[in-house]
């Protein structure tokens, strides 16, 4: 904690306190040092450790959620790109399926299923890797491992959802392929 005198000559005094007492000492120090005019002194105490810890944890949680959102967006773009390339490479296969009786929704369903499974697989691998890293760090620091209860099931399902959403445009594009035009290629 620092106590500074207001006025022409600025002086600083550092007062060492026991943990947790800084706030009380800071409020009483100006009166104890100059009882006649405590307003000429300013006492600055360090932040309360509990509130500081909460602020840091909140900031770290926000950072990790932001990184997770970026990872999901990048993964979604990757799945969409992969599904679109698959549609372009398999145009003649799609045309043949349509020519022998497959309906538009069958083709759309096939590509939505493929992109959904890709997202699900990515979610499972990412969840396993994340849990492994958390366990390794906790063990190396001799911490107790704590994970949210719904994480092992929720993260792969989120991957599935990202895969389905990302594959929607390429799947509908595949479903709009006309059999005659696809078989000419």
N, C-alpha and C. Protein backbone atom coordinates (compact mmCIF):
# COMPACT_ATOMS: atom_id res chain seq x y z
N UNK A 1 0.85 -1.16 0.00
CA UNK A 1 0.00 0.00 0.00
C UNK A 1 0.90 1.23 0.00
N UNK A 2 0.52 2.27 -0.73
CA UNK A 2 1.27 3.52 -0.79
C UNK A 2 0.42 4.64 -0.24
N UNK A 3 1.06 5.54 0.50
CA UNK A 3 0.41 6.75 1.00
C UNK A 3 1.18 7.92 0.43
N UNK A 4 0.49 8.81 -0.28
CA UNK A 4 1.16 9.96 -0.91
C UNK A 4 0.57 11.24 -0.36
N UNK A 5 1.44 12.24 -0.15
CA UNK A 5 0.99 13.54 0.35
C UNK A 5 0.65 14.42 -0.83
N UNK A 6 -0.51 15.09 -0.77
CA UNK A 6 -0.91 16.02 -1.81
C UNK A 6 -0.23 17.36 -1.54
N UNK A 7 -0.06 18.13 -2.55
CA UNK A 7 0.56 19.44 -2.37
C UNK A 7 1.78 19.59 -3.24
N UNK A 8 2.66 20.53 -2.85
CA UNK A 8 3.82 20.83 -3.67
C UNK A 8 4.86 19.73 -3.65
N UNK A 9 5.21 19.22 -2.48
CA UNK A 9 6.22 18.17 -2.42
C UNK A 9 5.51 16.82 -2.32
N UNK A 10 5.75 15.98 -3.30
CA UNK A 10 5.07 14.69 -3.34
C UNK A 10 5.99 13.66 -2.70
N UNK A 11 5.53 13.04 -1.66
CA UNK A 11 6.28 12.01 -0.97
C UNK A 11 5.45 10.75 -0.95
N UNK A 12 6.12 9.62 -0.95
CA UNK A 12 5.43 8.34 -0.95
C UNK A 12 5.89 7.53 0.26
N UNK A 13 4.96 6.89 0.90
CA UNK A 13 5.25 6.02 2.03
C UNK A 13 4.66 4.66 1.71
N UNK A 14 5.43 3.62 1.92
CA UNK A 14 4.94 2.26 1.70
C UNK A 14 4.70 1.62 3.06
N UNK A 15 3.52 1.10 3.26
CA UNK A 15 3.16 0.45 4.52
C UNK A 15 2.92 -1.03 4.24
N UNK A 16 3.68 -1.88 4.89
CA UNK A 16 3.50 -3.32 4.72
C UNK A 16 2.44 -3.79 5.71
N UNK A 17 1.52 -4.61 5.24
CA UNK A 17 0.43 -5.10 6.09
C UNK A 17 0.36 -6.62 6.01
N UNK A 18 -0.39 -7.19 6.90
CA UNK A 18 -0.67 -8.62 6.83
C UNK A 18 -1.65 -8.85 5.68
N UNK A 19 -1.64 -10.05 5.09
CA UNK A 19 -2.59 -10.34 4.02
C UNK A 19 -4.02 -10.10 4.46
N UNK A 20 -4.77 -9.40 3.65
CA UNK A 20 -6.17 -9.12 3.92
C UNK A 20 -6.43 -7.85 4.70
N UNK A 21 -5.38 -7.21 5.23
CA UNK A 21 -5.57 -6.01 6.05
C UNK A 21 -5.35 -4.72 5.29
N UNK A 22 -4.93 -4.79 4.05
CA UNK A 22 -4.54 -3.59 3.30
C UNK A 22 -5.70 -2.61 3.14
N UNK A 23 -6.91 -3.11 2.89
CA UNK A 23 -8.05 -2.21 2.68
C UNK A 23 -8.36 -1.40 3.95
N UNK A 24 -8.33 -2.07 5.10
CA UNK A 24 -8.63 -1.39 6.37
C UNK A 24 -7.53 -0.39 6.70
N UNK A 25 -6.26 -0.80 6.53
CA UNK A 25 -5.15 0.10 6.83
C UNK A 25 -5.19 1.31 5.90
N UNK A 26 -5.54 1.09 4.63
CA UNK A 26 -5.60 2.21 3.68
C UNK A 26 -6.66 3.21 4.07
N UNK A 27 -7.78 2.74 4.61
CA UNK A 27 -8.83 3.68 5.00
C UNK A 27 -8.47 4.46 6.27
N UNK A 28 -7.64 3.87 7.12
CA UNK A 28 -7.29 4.51 8.39
C UNK A 28 -5.95 5.25 8.36
N UNK A 29 -5.09 4.94 7.42
CA UNK A 29 -3.73 5.51 7.40
C UNK A 29 -3.71 7.04 7.33
N UNK A 30 -4.48 7.71 6.45
CA UNK A 30 -4.41 9.17 6.42
C UNK A 30 -4.76 9.82 7.76
N UNK A 31 -5.77 9.28 8.46
CA UNK A 31 -6.13 9.83 9.78
C UNK A 31 -5.04 9.56 10.81
N UNK A 32 -4.38 8.41 10.72
CA UNK A 32 -3.34 8.08 11.69
C UNK A 32 -2.08 8.90 11.46
N UNK A 33 -1.77 9.19 10.21
CA UNK A 33 -0.54 9.93 9.90
C UNK A 33 -0.74 11.42 10.14
N UNK A 34 -1.85 11.98 9.72
CA UNK A 34 -2.12 13.42 9.90
C UNK A 34 -3.55 13.59 10.40
N UNK A 35 -3.75 13.49 11.72
CA UNK A 35 -5.12 13.57 12.25
C UNK A 35 -5.78 14.93 12.04
N UNK A 36 -4.98 16.00 11.90
CA UNK A 36 -5.55 17.34 11.73
C UNK A 36 -6.10 17.56 10.32
N UNK A 37 -5.44 16.99 9.33
CA UNK A 37 -5.87 17.20 7.95
C UNK A 37 -5.64 15.92 7.13
N UNK A 38 -6.44 14.87 7.35
CA UNK A 38 -6.23 13.61 6.63
C UNK A 38 -6.53 13.72 5.14
N UNK A 39 -7.22 14.76 4.71
CA UNK A 39 -7.55 14.93 3.29
C UNK A 39 -6.35 15.25 2.42
N UNK A 40 -5.23 15.65 3.03
CA UNK A 40 -4.03 15.95 2.23
C UNK A 40 -3.28 14.69 1.84
N UNK A 41 -3.69 13.57 2.38
CA UNK A 41 -3.01 12.30 2.08
C UNK A 41 -3.94 11.40 1.27
N UNK A 42 -3.34 10.65 0.39
CA UNK A 42 -4.09 9.68 -0.42
C UNK A 42 -3.50 8.30 -0.17
N UNK A 43 -4.32 7.35 0.20
CA UNK A 43 -3.87 5.98 0.44
C UNK A 43 -4.40 5.09 -0.69
N UNK A 44 -3.52 4.33 -1.28
CA UNK A 44 -3.88 3.43 -2.37
C UNK A 44 -3.53 2.01 -1.93
N UNK A 45 -4.52 1.16 -1.82
CA UNK A 45 -4.31 -0.23 -1.42
C UNK A 45 -4.38 -1.13 -2.65
N UNK A 46 -3.64 -2.22 -2.62
CA UNK A 46 -3.76 -3.17 -3.75
C UNK A 46 -5.16 -3.77 -3.76
N UNK A 47 -5.60 -4.28 -4.89
CA UNK A 47 -6.94 -4.86 -4.95
C UNK A 47 -7.06 -6.09 -4.05
N UNK A 48 -8.27 -6.35 -3.64
CA UNK A 48 -8.55 -7.52 -2.82
C UNK A 48 -8.20 -8.78 -3.62
N UNK A 49 -7.40 -9.70 -3.05
CA UNK A 49 -6.99 -10.89 -3.81
C UNK A 49 -8.15 -11.72 -4.33
N UNK A 50 -9.21 -11.84 -3.57
CA UNK A 50 -10.35 -12.66 -4.01
C UNK A 50 -11.03 -12.06 -5.23
N UNK A 51 -11.24 -10.73 -5.22
CA UNK A 51 -11.89 -10.11 -6.37
C UNK A 51 -10.95 -10.09 -7.57
N UNK A 52 -9.66 -9.90 -7.32
CA UNK A 52 -8.69 -9.93 -8.42
C UNK A 52 -8.66 -11.31 -9.07
N UNK A 53 -8.70 -12.35 -8.23
CA UNK A 53 -8.70 -13.71 -8.76
C UNK A 53 -9.94 -13.96 -9.62
N UNK A 54 -11.09 -13.49 -9.14
CA UNK A 54 -12.33 -13.64 -9.89
C UNK A 54 -12.28 -12.92 -11.23
N UNK A 55 -11.69 -11.72 -11.25
CA UNK A 55 -11.57 -10.97 -12.50
C UNK A 55 -10.66 -11.70 -13.48
N UNK A 56 -9.54 -12.23 -12.98
CA UNK A 56 -8.61 -12.96 -13.85
C UNK A 56 -9.27 -14.21 -14.40
N UNK A 57 -9.98 -14.96 -13.55
CA UNK A 57 -10.65 -16.17 -14.02
C UNK A 57 -11.72 -15.84 -15.06
N UNK A 58 -12.45 -14.74 -14.84
CA UNK A 58 -13.45 -14.34 -15.82
C UNK A 58 -12.81 -13.98 -17.16
N UNK A 59 -11.70 -13.28 -17.12
CA UNK A 59 -11.01 -12.90 -18.36
C UNK A 59 -10.47 -14.12 -19.09
N UNK A 60 -9.90 -15.06 -18.34
CA UNK A 60 -9.36 -16.28 -18.96
C UNK A 60 -10.49 -17.11 -19.56
N UNK A 61 -11.61 -17.21 -18.86
CA UNK A 61 -12.76 -17.95 -19.41
C UNK A 61 -13.27 -17.31 -20.69
N UNK A 62 -13.36 -16.00 -20.72
CA UNK A 62 -13.80 -15.29 -21.92
C UNK A 62 -12.82 -15.52 -23.07
N UNK A 63 -11.53 -15.49 -22.76
CA UNK A 63 -10.51 -15.75 -23.79
C UNK A 63 -10.66 -17.15 -24.37
N UNK A 64 -10.83 -18.15 -23.50
CA UNK A 64 -10.97 -19.52 -23.99
C UNK A 64 -12.25 -19.72 -24.79
N UNK A 65 -13.32 -19.07 -24.38
CA UNK A 65 -14.56 -19.17 -25.16
C UNK A 65 -14.39 -18.53 -26.54
N UNK A 66 -13.67 -17.42 -26.58
CA UNK A 66 -13.39 -16.78 -27.87
C UNK A 66 -12.54 -17.66 -28.77
N UNK A 67 -11.53 -18.29 -28.19
CA UNK A 67 -10.68 -19.21 -28.97
C UNK A 67 -11.49 -20.41 -29.46
N UNK A 68 -12.37 -20.92 -28.62
CA UNK A 68 -13.22 -22.04 -29.03
C UNK A 68 -14.14 -21.64 -30.17
N UNK A 69 -14.68 -20.44 -30.11
CA UNK A 69 -15.56 -19.96 -31.19
C UNK A 69 -14.79 -19.84 -32.50
N UNK A 70 -13.58 -19.32 -32.43
CA UNK A 70 -12.75 -19.21 -33.64
C UNK A 70 -12.44 -20.60 -34.20
N UNK A 71 -12.12 -21.55 -33.31
CA UNK A 71 -11.83 -22.91 -33.76
C UNK A 71 -13.05 -23.54 -34.42
N UNK A 72 -14.25 -23.30 -33.87
CA UNK A 72 -15.47 -23.84 -34.49
C UNK A 72 -15.72 -23.22 -35.85
N UNK A 73 -15.49 -21.93 -35.97
CA UNK A 73 -15.69 -21.26 -37.26
C UNK A 73 -14.71 -21.79 -38.29
N UNK A 74 -13.45 -21.92 -37.91
CA UNK A 74 -12.44 -22.44 -38.84
C UNK A 74 -12.77 -23.88 -39.22
N UNK A 75 -13.17 -24.68 -38.23
CA UNK A 75 -13.56 -26.06 -38.53
C UNK A 75 -14.77 -26.12 -39.46
N UNK A 76 -15.74 -25.26 -39.23
CA UNK A 76 -16.92 -25.21 -40.10
C UNK A 76 -16.57 -24.83 -41.53
N UNK A 77 -15.68 -23.87 -41.68
CA UNK A 77 -15.24 -23.48 -43.03
C UNK A 77 -14.51 -24.63 -43.69
N UNK A 78 -13.68 -25.35 -42.93
CA UNK A 78 -12.97 -26.51 -43.48
C UNK A 78 -13.92 -27.60 -43.93
N UNK A 79 -14.93 -27.88 -43.12
CA UNK A 79 -15.91 -28.91 -43.49
C UNK A 79 -16.69 -28.48 -44.72
N UNK A 80 -17.10 -27.22 -44.78
CA UNK A 80 -17.84 -26.73 -45.94
C UNK A 80 -16.99 -26.83 -47.20
N UNK A 81 -15.73 -26.46 -47.10
CA UNK A 81 -14.84 -26.54 -48.25
C UNK A 81 -14.64 -27.98 -48.70
N UNK A 82 -14.41 -28.88 -47.74
CA UNK A 82 -14.20 -30.28 -48.08
C UNK A 82 -15.45 -30.89 -48.72
N UNK A 83 -16.61 -30.55 -48.19
CA UNK A 83 -17.86 -31.09 -48.75
C UNK A 83 -18.12 -30.53 -50.15
N UNK A 84 -17.82 -29.26 -50.34
CA UNK A 84 -18.01 -28.66 -51.67
C UNK A 84 -17.08 -29.29 -52.69
N UNK A 85 -15.84 -29.53 -52.33
CA UNK A 85 -14.89 -30.21 -53.24
C UNK A 85 -15.38 -31.62 -53.54
N UNK A 86 -15.91 -32.30 -52.52
CA UNK A 86 -16.44 -33.65 -52.72
C UNK A 86 -17.61 -33.63 -53.70
N UNK A 87 -18.47 -32.65 -53.59
CA UNK A 87 -19.61 -32.53 -54.52
C UNK A 87 -19.10 -32.30 -55.94
N UNK A 88 -18.13 -31.41 -56.09
CA UNK A 88 -17.61 -31.12 -57.43
C UNK A 88 -16.91 -32.33 -58.05
N UNK A 89 -16.20 -33.11 -57.24
CA UNK A 89 -15.50 -34.28 -57.76
C UNK A 89 -16.46 -35.44 -58.07
N UNK A 90 -17.58 -35.47 -57.42
CA UNK A 90 -18.51 -36.60 -57.55
C UNK A 90 -19.76 -36.23 -58.34
N UNK A 91 -19.65 -35.23 -59.18
CA UNK A 91 -20.82 -34.79 -59.96
C UNK A 91 -21.38 -35.91 -60.82
N UNK A 92 -20.52 -36.70 -61.47
CA UNK A 92 -21.04 -37.78 -62.32
C UNK A 92 -21.70 -38.87 -61.48
N UNK A 93 -21.17 -39.13 -60.29
CA UNK A 93 -21.80 -40.11 -59.39
C UNK A 93 -23.18 -39.62 -58.96
N UNK A 94 -23.26 -38.33 -58.66
CA UNK A 94 -24.55 -37.75 -58.25
C UNK A 94 -25.54 -37.84 -59.40
N UNK A 95 -25.08 -37.53 -60.61
CA UNK A 95 -25.95 -37.62 -61.79
C UNK A 95 -26.43 -39.03 -62.03
N UNK A 96 -25.55 -40.01 -61.86
CA UNK A 96 -25.93 -41.40 -62.05
C UNK A 96 -26.97 -41.83 -61.02
N UNK A 97 -26.76 -41.43 -59.77
CA UNK A 97 -27.74 -41.75 -58.71
C UNK A 97 -29.09 -41.13 -59.03
N UNK A 98 -29.07 -39.88 -59.48
CA UNK A 98 -30.33 -39.21 -59.82
C UNK A 98 -30.99 -39.89 -61.02
N UNK A 99 -30.19 -40.35 -61.99
CA UNK A 99 -30.74 -40.99 -63.20
C UNK A 99 -31.40 -42.32 -62.88
N UNK A 100 -30.89 -43.04 -61.86
CA UNK A 100 -31.48 -44.34 -61.53
C UNK A 100 -32.57 -44.24 -60.47
N UNK A 101 -32.96 -43.01 -60.11
CA UNK A 101 -34.13 -42.86 -59.26
C UNK A 101 -33.93 -42.15 -57.93
N UNK A 102 -32.71 -41.77 -57.60
CA UNK A 102 -32.52 -41.06 -56.32
C UNK A 102 -33.14 -39.68 -56.42
N UNK A 103 -33.86 -39.30 -55.39
CA UNK A 103 -34.49 -37.98 -55.38
C UNK A 103 -33.51 -36.95 -54.83
N UNK A 104 -33.89 -35.71 -55.03
CA UNK A 104 -33.05 -34.60 -54.56
C UNK A 104 -32.75 -34.72 -53.07
N UNK A 105 -33.76 -35.05 -52.25
CA UNK A 105 -33.56 -35.12 -50.81
C UNK A 105 -32.62 -36.27 -50.41
N UNK A 106 -32.56 -37.34 -51.24
CA UNK A 106 -31.63 -38.43 -50.96
C UNK A 106 -30.18 -37.96 -51.11
N UNK A 107 -29.93 -37.22 -52.16
CA UNK A 107 -28.58 -36.70 -52.40
C UNK A 107 -28.22 -35.68 -51.32
N UNK A 108 -29.15 -34.78 -51.01
CA UNK A 108 -28.90 -33.79 -49.96
C UNK A 108 -28.63 -34.50 -48.64
N UNK A 109 -29.43 -35.50 -48.32
CA UNK A 109 -29.24 -36.25 -47.08
C UNK A 109 -27.90 -36.94 -47.00
N UNK A 110 -27.45 -37.50 -48.13
CA UNK A 110 -26.15 -38.17 -48.16
C UNK A 110 -25.03 -37.20 -47.80
N UNK A 111 -25.02 -36.04 -48.42
CA UNK A 111 -23.93 -35.09 -48.16
C UNK A 111 -24.06 -34.42 -46.79
N UNK A 112 -25.29 -34.23 -46.32
CA UNK A 112 -25.46 -33.70 -44.96
C UNK A 112 -24.96 -34.72 -43.94
N UNK A 113 -25.23 -36.00 -44.20
CA UNK A 113 -24.76 -37.07 -43.31
C UNK A 113 -23.24 -37.13 -43.31
N UNK A 114 -22.63 -37.03 -44.48
CA UNK A 114 -21.17 -37.07 -44.57
C UNK A 114 -20.54 -35.90 -43.80
N UNK A 115 -21.05 -34.70 -44.02
CA UNK A 115 -20.48 -33.54 -43.33
C UNK A 115 -20.77 -33.60 -41.83
N UNK A 116 -21.92 -34.12 -41.44
CA UNK A 116 -22.24 -34.28 -40.02
C UNK A 116 -21.31 -35.26 -39.33
N UNK A 117 -21.03 -36.38 -39.99
CA UNK A 117 -20.09 -37.34 -39.41
C UNK A 117 -18.67 -36.77 -39.33
N UNK A 118 -18.32 -35.96 -40.31
CA UNK A 118 -17.00 -35.31 -40.25
C UNK A 118 -16.93 -34.38 -39.04
N UNK A 119 -17.97 -33.60 -38.81
CA UNK A 119 -18.01 -32.73 -37.64
C UNK A 119 -18.03 -33.51 -36.35
N UNK A 120 -18.77 -34.61 -36.31
CA UNK A 120 -18.82 -35.46 -35.12
C UNK A 120 -17.45 -36.05 -34.82
N UNK A 121 -16.78 -36.54 -35.85
CA UNK A 121 -15.43 -37.10 -35.65
C UNK A 121 -14.47 -36.03 -35.15
N UNK A 122 -14.56 -34.84 -35.73
CA UNK A 122 -13.72 -33.73 -35.25
C UNK A 122 -14.03 -33.37 -33.81
N UNK A 123 -15.31 -33.39 -33.44
CA UNK A 123 -15.69 -33.10 -32.07
C UNK A 123 -15.18 -34.15 -31.09
N UNK A 124 -15.24 -35.42 -31.48
CA UNK A 124 -14.74 -36.50 -30.61
C UNK A 124 -13.22 -36.38 -30.44
N UNK A 125 -12.51 -36.20 -31.56
CA UNK A 125 -11.04 -36.09 -31.49
C UNK A 125 -10.64 -34.85 -30.69
N UNK A 126 -11.30 -33.73 -30.95
CA UNK A 126 -10.97 -32.50 -30.22
C UNK A 126 -11.28 -32.61 -28.74
N UNK A 127 -12.39 -33.25 -28.39
CA UNK A 127 -12.74 -33.43 -26.99
C UNK A 127 -11.72 -34.33 -26.29
N UNK A 128 -11.36 -35.43 -26.93
CA UNK A 128 -10.37 -36.34 -26.35
C UNK A 128 -9.02 -35.64 -26.17
N UNK A 129 -8.61 -34.89 -27.17
CA UNK A 129 -7.33 -34.16 -27.07
C UNK A 129 -7.38 -33.11 -25.97
N UNK A 130 -8.48 -32.39 -25.88
CA UNK A 130 -8.62 -31.37 -24.85
C UNK A 130 -8.62 -31.96 -23.45
N UNK A 131 -9.35 -33.05 -23.27
CA UNK A 131 -9.39 -33.71 -21.95
C UNK A 131 -8.00 -34.24 -21.60
N UNK A 132 -7.32 -34.81 -22.57
CA UNK A 132 -5.97 -35.33 -22.33
C UNK A 132 -5.02 -34.21 -21.89
N UNK A 133 -5.09 -33.07 -22.56
CA UNK A 133 -4.23 -31.94 -22.19
C UNK A 133 -4.56 -31.45 -20.78
N UNK A 134 -5.85 -31.34 -20.46
CA UNK A 134 -6.24 -30.89 -19.12
C UNK A 134 -5.73 -31.86 -18.06
N UNK A 135 -5.88 -33.16 -18.31
CA UNK A 135 -5.42 -34.16 -17.34
C UNK A 135 -3.90 -34.11 -17.19
N UNK A 136 -3.17 -34.02 -18.30
CA UNK A 136 -1.71 -33.96 -18.22
C UNK A 136 -1.22 -32.73 -17.46
N UNK A 137 -1.82 -31.59 -17.73
CA UNK A 137 -1.42 -30.36 -17.02
C UNK A 137 -1.76 -30.50 -15.53
N UNK A 138 -2.95 -30.99 -15.22
CA UNK A 138 -3.35 -31.14 -13.82
C UNK A 138 -2.44 -32.11 -13.08
N UNK A 139 -2.10 -33.21 -13.71
CA UNK A 139 -1.22 -34.19 -13.07
C UNK A 139 0.18 -33.61 -12.87
N UNK A 140 0.68 -32.89 -13.87
CA UNK A 140 2.03 -32.32 -13.74
C UNK A 140 2.11 -31.25 -12.66
N UNK A 141 1.00 -30.57 -12.39
CA UNK A 141 0.98 -29.53 -11.35
C UNK A 141 0.40 -30.06 -10.03
N UNK A 142 0.09 -31.35 -9.98
CA UNK A 142 -0.56 -32.01 -8.83
C UNK A 142 -1.86 -31.30 -8.44
N UNK A 143 -2.65 -30.96 -9.44
CA UNK A 143 -3.96 -30.36 -9.23
C UNK A 143 -5.01 -31.46 -9.32
N UNK A 144 -6.19 -31.17 -8.85
CA UNK A 144 -7.32 -32.07 -9.03
C UNK A 144 -7.96 -31.77 -10.37
N UNK A 145 -8.19 -32.81 -11.14
CA UNK A 145 -8.80 -32.64 -12.46
C UNK A 145 -10.28 -32.36 -12.30
N UNK A 146 -10.74 -31.26 -12.85
CA UNK A 146 -12.17 -30.96 -12.85
C UNK A 146 -12.59 -30.58 -14.27
N UNK A 147 -13.65 -31.20 -14.72
CA UNK A 147 -14.20 -30.94 -16.04
C UNK A 147 -15.70 -30.77 -15.91
N UNK A 148 -16.30 -29.91 -16.75
CA UNK A 148 -17.76 -29.79 -16.74
C UNK A 148 -18.41 -31.14 -17.07
N UNK A 149 -19.50 -31.45 -16.40
CA UNK A 149 -20.14 -32.76 -16.54
C UNK A 149 -20.60 -33.06 -17.97
N UNK A 150 -21.13 -32.08 -18.67
CA UNK A 150 -21.67 -32.33 -20.00
C UNK A 150 -20.64 -32.26 -21.13
N UNK A 151 -19.40 -31.98 -20.81
CA UNK A 151 -18.38 -31.78 -21.85
C UNK A 151 -18.16 -33.01 -22.73
N UNK A 152 -17.97 -34.21 -22.16
CA UNK A 152 -17.69 -35.36 -23.03
C UNK A 152 -18.79 -35.65 -24.05
N UNK A 153 -20.04 -35.35 -23.74
CA UNK A 153 -21.13 -35.58 -24.70
C UNK A 153 -21.45 -34.32 -25.49
N UNK A 154 -21.37 -33.17 -24.85
CA UNK A 154 -21.78 -31.92 -25.49
C UNK A 154 -20.86 -31.46 -26.61
N UNK A 155 -19.56 -31.60 -26.42
CA UNK A 155 -18.62 -31.11 -27.43
C UNK A 155 -18.73 -31.89 -28.75
N UNK A 156 -18.79 -33.23 -28.74
CA UNK A 156 -18.99 -33.93 -30.02
C UNK A 156 -20.33 -33.58 -30.68
N UNK A 157 -21.38 -33.37 -29.87
CA UNK A 157 -22.67 -32.98 -30.46
C UNK A 157 -22.59 -31.59 -31.09
N UNK A 158 -21.81 -30.71 -30.47
CA UNK A 158 -21.59 -29.39 -31.07
C UNK A 158 -20.83 -29.54 -32.39
N UNK A 159 -19.85 -30.44 -32.42
CA UNK A 159 -19.13 -30.72 -33.66
C UNK A 159 -20.06 -31.25 -34.74
N UNK A 160 -20.99 -32.13 -34.35
CA UNK A 160 -21.99 -32.65 -35.29
C UNK A 160 -22.83 -31.52 -35.85
N UNK A 161 -23.28 -30.63 -34.98
CA UNK A 161 -24.11 -29.50 -35.42
C UNK A 161 -23.34 -28.59 -36.37
N UNK A 162 -22.08 -28.32 -36.05
CA UNK A 162 -21.25 -27.48 -36.94
C UNK A 162 -21.07 -28.16 -38.29
N UNK A 163 -20.87 -29.49 -38.27
CA UNK A 163 -20.72 -30.22 -39.53
C UNK A 163 -21.97 -30.18 -40.39
N UNK A 164 -23.12 -30.34 -39.78
CA UNK A 164 -24.39 -30.32 -40.53
C UNK A 164 -24.64 -28.93 -41.11
N UNK A 165 -24.44 -27.90 -40.28
CA UNK A 165 -24.66 -26.53 -40.77
C UNK A 165 -23.66 -26.19 -41.88
N UNK A 166 -22.42 -26.60 -41.70
CA UNK A 166 -21.39 -26.27 -42.69
C UNK A 166 -21.61 -27.02 -44.01
N UNK A 167 -22.18 -28.20 -43.92
CA UNK A 167 -22.39 -28.98 -45.14
C UNK A 167 -23.69 -28.69 -45.84
N UNK A 168 -24.50 -27.79 -45.30
CA UNK A 168 -25.82 -27.53 -45.87
C UNK A 168 -25.73 -26.98 -47.30
N UNK A 169 -24.95 -25.94 -47.51
CA UNK A 169 -24.87 -25.35 -48.85
C UNK A 169 -24.33 -26.35 -49.88
N UNK A 170 -23.19 -27.02 -49.61
CA UNK A 170 -22.73 -28.00 -50.61
C UNK A 170 -23.74 -29.12 -50.84
N UNK A 171 -24.45 -29.54 -49.80
CA UNK A 171 -25.42 -30.63 -49.96
C UNK A 171 -26.58 -30.20 -50.85
N UNK A 172 -27.08 -28.99 -50.64
CA UNK A 172 -28.18 -28.52 -51.49
C UNK A 172 -27.70 -28.27 -52.91
N UNK A 173 -26.45 -27.90 -53.05
CA UNK A 173 -25.89 -27.75 -54.39
C UNK A 173 -25.81 -29.11 -55.08
N UNK A 174 -25.42 -30.14 -54.32
CA UNK A 174 -25.36 -31.49 -54.88
C UNK A 174 -26.76 -31.97 -55.27
N UNK A 175 -27.75 -31.62 -54.45
CA UNK A 175 -29.11 -32.04 -54.74
C UNK A 175 -29.70 -31.37 -55.97
N UNK A 176 -29.14 -30.23 -56.37
CA UNK A 176 -29.66 -29.53 -57.54
C UNK A 176 -29.00 -29.97 -58.84
N UNK A 177 -28.08 -30.92 -58.76
CA UNK A 177 -27.42 -31.41 -59.99
C UNK A 177 -28.44 -32.18 -60.82
N UNK A 178 -28.52 -31.80 -62.08
CA UNK A 178 -29.45 -32.47 -63.01
C UNK A 178 -28.76 -33.70 -63.61
N UNK A 179 -29.45 -34.83 -63.67
CA UNK A 179 -28.83 -36.07 -64.16
C UNK A 179 -28.25 -35.99 -65.57
N UNK A 180 -28.96 -35.37 -66.46
CA UNK A 180 -28.51 -35.31 -67.84
C UNK A 180 -27.23 -34.52 -67.99
N UNK A 181 -27.17 -33.35 -67.33
CA UNK A 181 -25.97 -32.52 -67.41
C UNK A 181 -24.78 -33.16 -66.73
N UNK A 182 -25.01 -33.86 -65.60
CA UNK A 182 -23.92 -34.49 -64.86
C UNK A 182 -23.33 -35.65 -65.63
N UNK A 183 -24.16 -36.38 -66.36
CA UNK A 183 -23.65 -37.54 -67.09
C UNK A 183 -22.93 -37.16 -68.39
N UNK A 184 -23.11 -35.92 -68.86
CA UNK A 184 -22.39 -35.45 -70.06
C UNK A 184 -20.93 -35.19 -69.78
N UNK A 185 -20.58 -34.94 -68.58
CA UNK A 185 -19.19 -34.56 -68.24
C UNK A 185 -18.23 -35.68 -68.37
